[in-house]
Amino acid sequence: KDAKTRLILLFITLIESEKINQGQFVIPKYLTQKDMAQLICTTRQTVISLLNELQKEHLILNIDNNMIIKDVEKFKKLVANVK
């Protein structure tokens, strides 16, 4: 799996641990870019690039230093066939 898929799967794991099936999800602030990079076996710079890419695709919003997954259902469909 590529780094983007691994990052999306990481976020989906967080979403599922909170039992959220629809609406928005705020990515916990305790999860730093460095932590994300370590969890998906990549570099912090790659995570930054991927987060920027997800923002450009309007999948993640950055509001007041909060990363928000705008549409949980749409986000889950991105990797529905990957798991």
C-alpha atoms as a PDB file:
ATOM      1  CA  LYS A   1       0.000   0.000   0.000  1.00  0.00           C
ATOM      2  CA  ASP A   2       1.238   3.458  -0.803  1.00  0.00           C
ATOM      3  CA  ALA A   3       1.766   6.120   1.876  1.00  0.00           C
ATOM      4  CA  LYS A   4      -1.469   7.973   1.051  1.00  0.00           C
ATOM      5  CA  THR A   5      -3.510   4.801   1.463  1.00  0.00           C
ATOM      6  CA  ARG A   6      -1.752   4.013   4.752  1.00  0.00           C
ATOM      7  CA  LEU A   7      -2.479   7.537   6.040  1.00  0.00           C
ATOM      8  CA  ILE A   8      -6.140   7.286   5.063  1.00  0.00           C
ATOM      9  CA  LEU A   9      -6.356   3.865   6.736  1.00  0.00           C
ATOM     10  CA  LEU A  10      -4.807   5.365   9.887  1.00  0.00           C
ATOM     11  CA  PHE A  11      -7.491   8.054   9.949  1.00  0.00           C
ATOM     12  CA  ILE A  12     -10.216   5.464   9.324  1.00  0.00           C
ATOM     13  CA  THR A  13      -8.899   3.418  12.251  1.00  0.00           C
ATOM     14  CA  LEU A  14      -9.224   6.512  14.459  1.00  0.00           C
ATOM     15  CA  ILE A  15     -12.716   7.208  13.128  1.00  0.00           C
ATOM     16  CA  GLU A  16     -13.814   3.625  13.781  1.00  0.00           C
ATOM     17  CA  SER A  17     -12.345   3.659  17.289  1.00  0.00           C
ATOM     18  CA  GLU A  18     -14.645   6.628  18.016  1.00  0.00           C
ATOM     19  CA  LYS A  19     -17.574   4.768  16.415  1.00  0.00           C
ATOM     20  CA  ILE A  20     -18.314   7.595  13.974  1.00  0.00           C
ATOM     21  CA  ASN A  21     -20.109   6.559  10.788  1.00  0.00           C
ATOM     22  CA  GLN A  22     -21.125   9.879   9.290  1.00  0.00           C
ATOM     23  CA  GLY A  23     -20.583  13.601   9.562  1.00  0.00           C
ATOM     24  CA  GLN A  24     -17.245  15.152  10.419  1.00  0.00           C
ATOM     25  CA  PHE A  25     -14.278  13.921  12.419  1.00  0.00           C
ATOM     26  CA  VAL A  26     -11.641  16.059  14.102  1.00  0.00           C
ATOM     27  CA  ILE A  27      -8.236  14.415  14.012  1.00  0.00           C
ATOM     28  CA  PRO A  28      -6.924  14.433  17.602  1.00  0.00           C
ATOM     29  CA  LYS A  29      -4.309  17.107  18.268  1.00  0.00           C
ATOM     30  CA  TYR A  30      -2.167  14.667  20.245  1.00  0.00           C
ATOM     31  CA  LEU A  31      -1.455  12.865  16.964  1.00  0.00           C
ATOM     32  CA  THR A  32       1.455  14.867  15.561  1.00  0.00           C
ATOM     33  CA  GLN A  33       2.772  14.735  12.019  1.00  0.00           C
ATOM     34  CA  LYS A  34       5.804  12.904  13.367  1.00  0.00           C
ATOM     35  CA  ASP A  35       3.545  10.330  15.053  1.00  0.00           C
ATOM     36  CA  MET A  36       1.580   9.856  11.828  1.00  0.00           C
ATOM     37  CA  ALA A  37       4.821   9.354   9.909  1.00  0.00           C
ATOM     38  CA  GLN A  38       6.045   6.716  12.367  1.00  0.00           C
ATOM     39  CA  LEU A  39       2.708   4.910  12.356  1.00  0.00           C
ATOM     40  CA  ILE A  40       2.608   4.627   8.577  1.00  0.00           C
ATOM     41  CA  CYS A  41       6.368   4.052   8.131  1.00  0.00           C
ATOM     42  CA  THR A  42       7.221   7.186   6.189  1.00  0.00           C
ATOM     43  CA  THR A  43       8.796  10.595   6.773  1.00  0.00           C
ATOM     44  CA  ARG A  44       7.217  13.656   8.340  1.00  0.00           C
ATOM     45  CA  GLN A  45       7.743  15.531   5.072  1.00  0.00           C
ATOM     46  CA  THR A  46       5.740  12.891   3.203  1.00  0.00           C
ATOM     47  CA  VAL A  47       2.920  13.212   5.741  1.00  0.00           C
ATOM     48  CA  ILE A  48       2.909  16.997   5.271  1.00  0.00           C
ATOM     49  CA  SER A  49       2.697  16.553   1.495  1.00  0.00           C
ATOM     50  CA  LEU A  50      -0.107  14.008   1.831  1.00  0.00           C
ATOM     51  CA  LEU A  51      -2.085  16.212   4.214  1.00  0.00           C
ATOM     52  CA  ASN A  52      -1.734  19.103   1.752  1.00  0.00           C
ATOM     53  CA  GLU A  53      -2.899  16.819  -1.047  1.00  0.00           C
ATOM     54  CA  LEU A  54      -5.942  15.733   0.972  1.00  0.00           C
ATOM     55  CA  GLN A  55      -6.737  19.396   1.642  1.00  0.00           C
ATOM     56  CA  LYS A  56      -6.543  20.221  -2.074  1.00  0.00           C
ATOM     57  CA  GLU A  57      -8.922  17.313  -2.719  1.00  0.00           C
ATOM     58  CA  HIS A  58     -11.288  18.883  -0.136  1.00  0.00           C
ATOM     59  CA  LEU A  59     -11.246  15.747   2.010  1.00  0.00           C
ATOM     60  CA  ILE A  60      -9.579  17.435   4.989  1.00  0.00           C
ATOM     61  CA  LEU A  61     -10.104  20.965   6.246  1.00  0.00           C
ATOM     62  CA  ASN A  62      -7.699  22.903   8.432  1.00  0.00           C
ATOM     63  CA  ILE A  63      -9.724  25.232  10.647  1.00  0.00           C
ATOM     64  CA  ASP A  64      -8.171  27.011  13.637  1.00  0.00           C
ATOM     65  CA  ASN A  65      -5.323  24.481  13.785  1.00  0.00           C
ATOM     66  CA  ASN A  66      -7.792  21.585  13.743  1.00  0.00           C
ATOM     67  CA  MET A  67      -7.632  18.990  10.985  1.00  0.00           C
ATOM     68  CA  ILE A  68     -11.173  17.976  10.156  1.00  0.00           C
ATOM     69  CA  ILE A  69     -12.274  15.148   7.918  1.00  0.00           C
ATOM     70  CA  LYS A  70     -15.219  16.800   6.229  1.00  0.00           C
ATOM     71  CA  ASP A  71     -17.246  13.760   5.198  1.00  0.00           C
ATOM     72  CA  VAL A  72     -16.533  10.502   7.040  1.00  0.00           C
ATOM     73  CA  GLU A  73     -18.644   8.370   4.673  1.00  0.00           C
ATOM     74  CA  LYS A  74     -16.891   9.709   1.564  1.00  0.00           C
ATOM     75  CA  PHE A  75     -13.520   9.285   3.258  1.00  0.00           C
ATOM     76  CA  LYS A  76     -14.211   5.626   4.071  1.00  0.00           C
ATOM     77  CA  LYS A  77     -15.231   4.919   0.465  1.00  0.00           C
ATOM     78  CA  LEU A  78     -11.751   5.977  -0.715  1.00  0.00           C
ATOM     79  CA  VAL A  79     -10.243   2.738   0.525  1.00  0.00           C
ATOM     80  CA  ALA A  80     -13.273   0.476   0.709  1.00  0.00           C
ATOM     81  CA  ASN A  81     -11.630  -2.025  -1.649  1.00  0.00           C
ATOM     82  CA  VAL A  82      -8.132  -1.777  -0.167  1.00  0.00           C
ATOM     83  CA  LYS A  83      -8.667  -3.337   3.262  1.00  0.00           C
END
